[in-house]
PDB file of N, CA and C in Angstrom:
ATOM      1  N   MET A   1     -16.838  40.784  14.025  1.00  0.00           N
ATOM      2  CA  MET A   1     -18.148  40.166  13.641  1.00  0.00           C
ATOM      3  C   MET A   1     -17.851  39.088  12.579  1.00  0.00           C
ATOM      4  N   ASN A   2     -18.486  37.932  12.809  1.00  0.00           N
ATOM      5  CA  ASN A   2     -18.226  36.860  11.746  1.00  0.00           C
ATOM      6  C   ASN A   2     -19.370  36.684  10.886  1.00  0.00           C
ATOM      7  N   LEU A   3     -19.202  36.795   9.650  1.00  0.00           N
ATOM      8  CA  LEU A   3     -20.257  36.585   8.688  1.00  0.00           C
ATOM      9  C   LEU A   3     -20.100  35.276   7.926  1.00  0.00           C
ATOM     10  N   ASP A   4     -21.012  34.510   7.721  1.00  0.00           N
ATOM     11  CA  ASP A   4     -20.929  33.302   6.795  1.00  0.00           C
ATOM     12  C   ASP A   4     -20.817  33.866   5.384  1.00  0.00           C
ATOM     13  N   LEU A   5     -20.424  32.993   4.441  1.00  0.00           N
ATOM     14  CA  LEU A   5     -20.368  33.316   2.958  1.00  0.00           C
ATOM     15  C   LEU A   5     -21.698  33.858   2.498  1.00  0.00           C
ATOM     16  N   ARG A   6     -22.748  33.219   2.833  1.00  0.00           N
ATOM     17  CA  ARG A   6     -24.053  33.626   2.209  1.00  0.00           C
ATOM     18  C   ARG A   6     -24.392  35.125   2.756  1.00  0.00           C
ATOM     19  N   GLN A   7     -24.165  35.359   3.930  1.00  0.00           N
ATOM     20  CA  GLN A   7     -24.451  36.686   4.437  1.00  0.00           C
ATOM     21  C   GLN A   7     -23.538  37.779   3.938  1.00  0.00           C
ATOM     22  N   ALA A   8     -22.235  37.265   3.588  1.00  0.00           N
ATOM     23  CA  ALA A   8     -21.296  38.298   3.092  1.00  0.00           C
ATOM     24  C   ALA A   8     -21.675  38.703   1.623  1.00  0.00           C
ATOM     25  N   ILE A   9     -22.127  37.671   0.879  1.00  0.00           N
ATOM     26  CA  ILE A   9     -22.539  37.963  -0.443  1.00  0.00           C
ATOM     27  C   ILE A   9     -23.882  38.880  -0.544  1.00  0.00           C
ATOM     28  N   ILE A  10     -24.860  38.542   0.337  1.00  0.00           N
ATOM     29  CA  ILE A  10     -26.019  39.339   0.537  1.00  0.00           C
ATOM     30  C   ILE A  10     -25.671  40.664   0.791  1.00  0.00           C
ATOM     31  N   GLN A  11     -24.745  40.785   1.811  1.00  0.00           N
ATOM     32  CA  GLN A  11     -24.263  42.220   2.225  1.00  0.00           C
ATOM     33  C   GLN A  11     -23.679  43.057   1.064  1.00  0.00           C
ATOM     34  N   ARG A  12     -22.920  42.232   0.333  1.00  0.00           N
ATOM     35  CA  ARG A  12     -22.178  42.977  -0.790  1.00  0.00           C
ATOM     36  C   ARG A  12     -23.205  43.505  -1.970  1.00  0.00           C
ATOM     37  N   VAL A  13     -24.313  42.863  -2.078  1.00  0.00           N
ATOM     38  CA  VAL A  13     -25.184  43.308  -3.114  1.00  0.00           C
ATOM     39  C   VAL A  13     -26.488  43.966  -2.694  1.00  0.00           C
ATOM     40  N   HIS A  14     -26.654  44.140  -1.324  1.00  0.00           N
ATOM     41  CA  HIS A  14     -27.847  44.618  -0.699  1.00  0.00           C
ATOM     42  C   HIS A  14     -28.456  45.905  -1.251  1.00  0.00           C
ATOM     43  N   ASP A  15     -27.590  46.994  -1.381  1.00  0.00           N
ATOM     44  CA  ASP A  15     -28.297  48.109  -1.846  1.00  0.00           C
ATOM     45  C   ASP A  15     -27.921  48.515  -3.277  1.00  0.00           C
ATOM     46  N   LYS A  16     -27.587  47.535  -4.029  1.00  0.00           N
ATOM     47  CA  LYS A  16     -27.220  47.820  -5.359  1.00  0.00           C
ATOM     48  C   LYS A  16     -28.466  48.100  -6.231  1.00  0.00           C
ATOM     49  N   SER A  17     -28.315  48.916  -7.299  1.00  0.00           N
ATOM     50  CA  SER A  17     -29.475  49.143  -8.281  1.00  0.00           C
ATOM     51  C   SER A  17     -29.543  47.999  -9.125  1.00  0.00           C
ATOM     52  N   ASN A  18     -30.694  48.000  -9.926  1.00  0.00           N
ATOM     53  CA  ASN A  18     -30.884  46.930 -10.829  1.00  0.00           C
ATOM     54  C   ASN A  18     -29.685  46.856 -11.927  1.00  0.00           C
ATOM     55  N   GLU A  19     -29.268  47.972 -12.257  1.00  0.00           N
ATOM     56  CA  GLU A  19     -28.143  47.986 -13.237  1.00  0.00           C
ATOM     57  C   GLU A  19     -26.885  47.494 -12.600  1.00  0.00           C
ATOM     58  N   GLU A  20     -26.743  47.754 -11.364  1.00  0.00           N
ATOM     59  CA  GLU A  20     -25.440  47.213 -10.614  1.00  0.00           C
ATOM     60  C   GLU A  20     -25.502  45.742 -10.478  1.00  0.00           C
ATOM     61  N   LEU A  21     -26.760  45.260 -10.079  1.00  0.00           N
ATOM     62  CA  LEU A  21     -26.922  43.759  -9.950  1.00  0.00           C
ATOM     63  C   LEU A  21     -26.685  43.025 -11.268  1.00  0.00           C
ATOM     64  N   THR A  22     -27.215  43.710 -12.294  1.00  0.00           N
ATOM     65  CA  THR A  22     -26.891  43.061 -13.587  1.00  0.00           C
ATOM     66  C   THR A  22     -25.435  43.056 -13.899  1.00  0.00           C
ATOM     67  N   ASP A  23     -24.790  44.082 -13.621  1.00  0.00           N
ATOM     68  CA  ASP A  23     -23.298  44.043 -13.815  1.00  0.00           C
ATOM     69  C   ASP A  23     -22.643  42.910 -12.948  1.00  0.00           C
ATOM     70  N   VAL A  24     -23.062  42.874 -11.722  1.00  0.00           N
ATOM     71  CA  VAL A  24     -22.483  41.755 -10.839  1.00  0.00           C
ATOM     72  C   VAL A  24     -22.737  40.402 -11.422  1.00  0.00           C
ATOM     73  N   ILE A  25     -23.967  40.221 -11.928  1.00  0.00           N
ATOM     74  CA  ILE A  25     -24.193  38.832 -12.536  1.00  0.00           C
ATOM     75  C   ILE A  25     -23.495  38.593 -13.720  1.00  0.00           C
ATOM     76  N   GLN A  26     -23.564  39.541 -14.591  1.00  0.00           N
ATOM     77  CA  GLN A  26     -22.835  39.348 -15.864  1.00  0.00           C
ATOM     78  C   GLN A  26     -21.275  39.305 -15.652  1.00  0.00           C
ATOM     79  N   GLY A  27     -20.789  39.924 -14.743  1.00  0.00           N
ATOM     80  CA  GLY A  27     -19.269  39.964 -14.490  1.00  0.00           C
ATOM     81  C   GLY A  27     -18.908  38.665 -13.788  1.00  0.00           C
ATOM     82  N   SER A  28     -19.865  37.963 -13.260  1.00  0.00           N
ATOM     83  CA  SER A  28     -19.586  36.615 -12.574  1.00  0.00           C
ATOM     84  C   SER A  28     -19.681  35.458 -13.591  1.00  0.00           C
ATOM     85  N   ILE A  29     -20.603  35.544 -14.476  1.00  0.00           N
ATOM     86  CA  ILE A  29     -20.855  34.453 -15.390  1.00  0.00           C
ATOM     87  C   ILE A  29     -19.719  34.229 -16.247  1.00  0.00           C
ATOM     88  N   GLY A  30     -19.227  33.059 -16.368  1.00  0.00           N
ATOM     89  CA  GLY A  30     -18.039  32.663 -17.192  1.00  0.00           C
ATOM     90  C   GLY A  30     -16.795  33.111 -16.783  1.00  0.00           C
ATOM     91  N   GLY A  31     -16.771  33.743 -15.597  1.00  0.00           N
ATOM     92  CA  GLY A  31     -15.417  34.238 -15.018  1.00  0.00           C
ATOM     93  C   GLY A  31     -14.812  33.158 -14.124  1.00  0.00           C
ATOM     94  N   ASP A  32     -14.222  33.707 -13.050  1.00  0.00           N
ATOM     95  CA  ASP A  32     -13.474  32.897 -12.160  1.00  0.00           C
ATOM     96  C   ASP A  32     -14.370  32.105 -11.360  1.00  0.00           C
ATOM     97  N   GLU A  33     -14.013  30.839 -11.097  1.00  0.00           N
ATOM     98  CA  GLU A  33     -14.900  29.883 -10.359  1.00  0.00           C
ATOM     99  C   GLU A  33     -15.130  30.331  -9.005  1.00  0.00           C
ATOM    100  N   HIS A  34     -14.471  31.247  -8.496  1.00  0.00           N
ATOM    101  CA  HIS A  34     -14.713  31.856  -7.083  1.00  0.00           C
ATOM    102  C   HIS A  34     -15.978  32.528  -6.996  1.00  0.00           C
ATOM    103  N   ALA A  35     -16.620  33.046  -8.228  1.00  0.00           N
ATOM    104  CA  ALA A  35     -17.752  33.750  -8.332  1.00  0.00           C
ATOM    105  C   ALA A  35     -18.957  32.749  -8.165  1.00  0.00           C
ATOM    106  N   LEU A  36     -18.685  31.454  -8.379  1.00  0.00           N
ATOM    107  CA  LEU A  36     -19.787  30.577  -8.423  1.00  0.00           C
ATOM    108  C   LEU A  36     -20.661  30.540  -7.168  1.00  0.00           C
ATOM    109  N   PRO A  37     -20.077  30.459  -6.038  1.00  0.00           N
ATOM    110  CA  PRO A  37     -20.806  30.530  -4.771  1.00  0.00           C
ATOM    111  C   PRO A  37     -21.768  31.674  -4.733  1.00  0.00           C
ATOM    112  N   GLY A  38     -21.365  32.974  -5.185  1.00  0.00           N
ATOM    113  CA  GLY A  38     -22.037  34.111  -5.167  1.00  0.00           C
ATOM    114  C   GLY A  38     -23.341  34.018  -6.181  1.00  0.00           C
ATOM    115  N   LEU A  39     -23.083  33.362  -7.279  1.00  0.00           N
ATOM    116  CA  LEU A  39     -24.164  33.207  -8.168  1.00  0.00           C
ATOM    117  C   LEU A  39     -25.197  32.248  -7.562  1.00  0.00           C
ATOM    118  N   GLY A  40     -24.680  31.215  -6.817  1.00  0.00           N
ATOM    119  CA  GLY A  40     -25.542  30.294  -6.140  1.00  0.00           C
ATOM    120  C   GLY A  40     -26.462  30.957  -5.133  1.00  0.00           C
ATOM    121  N   VAL A  41     -25.886  31.883  -4.346  1.00  0.00           N
ATOM    122  CA  VAL A  41     -26.607  32.563  -3.307  1.00  0.00           C
ATOM    123  C   VAL A  41     -27.671  33.444  -4.089  1.00  0.00           C
ATOM    124  N   LEU A  42     -27.267  34.247  -5.028  1.00  0.00           N
ATOM    125  CA  LEU A  42     -28.366  35.051  -5.790  1.00  0.00           C
ATOM    126  C   LEU A  42     -29.524  34.063  -6.380  1.00  0.00           C
ATOM    127  N   PHE A  43     -29.060  32.983  -6.931  1.00  0.00           N
ATOM    128  CA  PHE A  43     -30.096  32.056  -7.499  1.00  0.00           C
ATOM    129  C   PHE A  43     -30.946  31.576  -6.338  1.00  0.00           C
ATOM    130  N   GLU A  44     -30.445  31.333  -5.212  1.00  0.00           N
ATOM    131  CA  GLU A  44     -31.256  30.822  -4.017  1.00  0.00           C
ATOM    132  C   GLU A  44     -32.257  31.900  -3.742  1.00  0.00           C
ATOM    133  N   ILE A  45     -31.800  33.197  -3.648  1.00  0.00           N
ATOM    134  CA  ILE A  45     -32.789  34.328  -3.403  1.00  0.00           C
ATOM    135  C   ILE A  45     -33.828  34.233  -4.484  1.00  0.00           C
ATOM    136  N   ILE A  46     -33.539  34.123  -5.698  1.00  0.00           N
ATOM    137  CA  ILE A  46     -34.523  34.257  -6.735  1.00  0.00           C
ATOM    138  C   ILE A  46     -35.464  33.054  -6.604  1.00  0.00           C
ATOM    139  N   TRP A  47     -34.922  31.969  -6.372  1.00  0.00           N
ATOM    140  CA  TRP A  47     -35.814  30.718  -6.270  1.00  0.00           C
ATOM    141  C   TRP A  47     -36.815  30.857  -4.998  1.00  0.00           C
ATOM    142  N   ASN A  48     -36.236  31.288  -3.820  1.00  0.00           N
ATOM    143  CA  ASN A  48     -37.170  31.377  -2.764  1.00  0.00           C
ATOM    144  C   ASN A  48     -38.230  32.399  -2.811  1.00  0.00           C
ATOM    145  N   ALA A  49     -37.962  33.313  -3.736  1.00  0.00           N
ATOM    146  CA  ALA A  49     -38.932  34.554  -4.030  1.00  0.00           C
ATOM    147  C   ALA A  49     -39.936  34.232  -5.083  1.00  0.00           C
ATOM    148  N   SER A  50     -39.740  33.101  -5.755  1.00  0.00           N
ATOM    149  CA  SER A  50     -40.341  32.707  -7.024  1.00  0.00           C
ATOM    150  C   SER A  50     -41.563  31.770  -6.682  1.00  0.00           C
ATOM    151  N   ASP A  51     -42.673  32.023  -7.395  1.00  0.00           N
ATOM    152  CA  ASP A  51     -43.850  31.054  -7.150  1.00  0.00           C
ATOM    153  C   ASP A  51     -43.547  29.667  -8.045  1.00  0.00           C
ATOM    154  N   ALA A  52     -44.304  28.719  -7.741  1.00  0.00           N
ATOM    155  CA  ALA A  52     -44.205  27.360  -8.307  1.00  0.00           C
ATOM    156  C   ALA A  52     -44.111  27.432  -9.871  1.00  0.00           C
ATOM    157  N   PRO A  53     -45.012  28.170 -10.565  1.00  0.00           N
ATOM    158  CA  PRO A  53     -44.811  28.358 -12.146  1.00  0.00           C
ATOM    159  C   PRO A  53     -43.454  28.844 -12.522  1.00  0.00           C
ATOM    160  N   THR A  54     -43.007  29.865 -11.872  1.00  0.00           N
ATOM    161  CA  THR A  54     -41.619  30.382 -12.232  1.00  0.00           C
ATOM    162  C   THR A  54     -40.581  29.461 -11.886  1.00  0.00           C
ATOM    163  N   GLN A  55     -40.642  28.782 -10.819  1.00  0.00           N
ATOM    164  CA  GLN A  55     -39.547  27.727 -10.470  1.00  0.00           C
ATOM    165  C   GLN A  55     -39.716  26.619 -11.464  1.00  0.00           C
ATOM    166  N   ASN A  56     -40.876  26.262 -11.945  1.00  0.00           N
ATOM    167  CA  ASN A  56     -40.958  25.229 -13.018  1.00  0.00           C
ATOM    168  C   ASN A  56     -40.338  25.771 -14.232  1.00  0.00           C
ATOM    169  N   LYS A  57     -40.527  26.998 -14.657  1.00  0.00           N
ATOM    170  CA  LYS A  57     -39.941  27.530 -15.864  1.00  0.00           C
ATOM    171  C   LYS A  57     -38.459  27.629 -15.784  1.00  0.00           C
ATOM    172  N   LEU A  58     -37.898  27.919 -14.649  1.00  0.00           N
ATOM    173  CA  LEU A  58     -36.450  27.925 -14.455  1.00  0.00           C
ATOM    174  C   LEU A  58     -35.920  26.583 -14.639  1.00  0.00           C
ATOM    175  N   VAL A  59     -36.461  25.618 -14.052  1.00  0.00           N
ATOM    176  CA  VAL A  59     -36.059  24.301 -14.158  1.00  0.00           C
ATOM    177  C   VAL A  59     -36.151  23.837 -15.586  1.00  0.00           C
ATOM    178  N   HIS A  60     -37.177  24.042 -16.214  1.00  0.00           N
ATOM    179  CA  HIS A  60     -37.374  23.624 -17.738  1.00  0.00           C
ATOM    180  C   HIS A  60     -36.168  24.389 -18.540  1.00  0.00           C
ATOM    181  N   SER A  61     -36.012  25.615 -18.205  1.00  0.00           N
ATOM    182  CA  SER A  61     -34.971  26.338 -18.998  1.00  0.00           C
ATOM    183  C   SER A  61     -33.583  25.731 -18.773  1.00  0.00           C
ATOM    184  N   LEU A  62     -33.296  25.332 -17.456  1.00  0.00           N
ATOM    185  CA  LEU A  62     -31.995  24.691 -17.201  1.00  0.00           C
ATOM    186  C   LEU A  62     -32.037  23.336 -17.900  1.00  0.00           C
ATOM    187  N   HIS A  63     -32.982  22.631 -17.701  1.00  0.00           N
ATOM    188  CA  HIS A  63     -33.082  21.238 -18.488  1.00  0.00           C
ATOM    189  C   HIS A  63     -32.765  21.330 -19.992  1.00  0.00           C
ATOM    190  N   ASP A  64     -33.494  22.255 -20.608  1.00  0.00           N
ATOM    191  CA  ASP A  64     -33.345  22.584 -21.925  1.00  0.00           C
ATOM    192  C   ASP A  64     -31.875  22.830 -22.370  1.00  0.00           C
ATOM    193  N   GLU A  65     -31.240  23.747 -21.574  1.00  0.00           N
ATOM    194  CA  GLU A  65     -29.842  24.106 -21.839  1.00  0.00           C
ATOM    195  C   GLU A  65     -28.879  23.089 -21.693  1.00  0.00           C
ATOM    196  N   LEU A  66     -29.060  22.204 -20.524  1.00  0.00           N
ATOM    197  CA  LEU A  66     -28.213  21.104 -20.304  1.00  0.00           C
ATOM    198  C   LEU A  66     -28.318  19.961 -21.371  1.00  0.00           C
ATOM    199  N   ASN A  67     -29.361  19.921 -22.076  1.00  0.00           N
ATOM    200  CA  ASN A  67     -29.558  18.837 -23.064  1.00  0.00           C
ATOM    201  C   ASN A  67     -29.494  19.374 -24.444  1.00  0.00           C
ATOM    202  N   LYS A  68     -28.782  20.378 -24.764  1.00  0.00           N
ATOM    203  CA  LYS A  68     -28.613  20.861 -26.092  1.00  0.00           C
ATOM    204  C   LYS A  68     -27.545  20.122 -26.646  1.00  0.00           C
TER     205      LYS A  68
END
């Protein structure tokens, strides 16, 4: 069975608790660059599940952090 990277990442975190998901995210941030695609997939999930005001807030937060 061939899984693409996105599906492999989703499968890896599918049944994790909130605490476990927090650990996955915190363990990936600032770590090995190999974790970046996984964070991208998780962000994509959050983005797609967010309404326009939340997406706008995320973009503003990103913009503010990039321009410090």
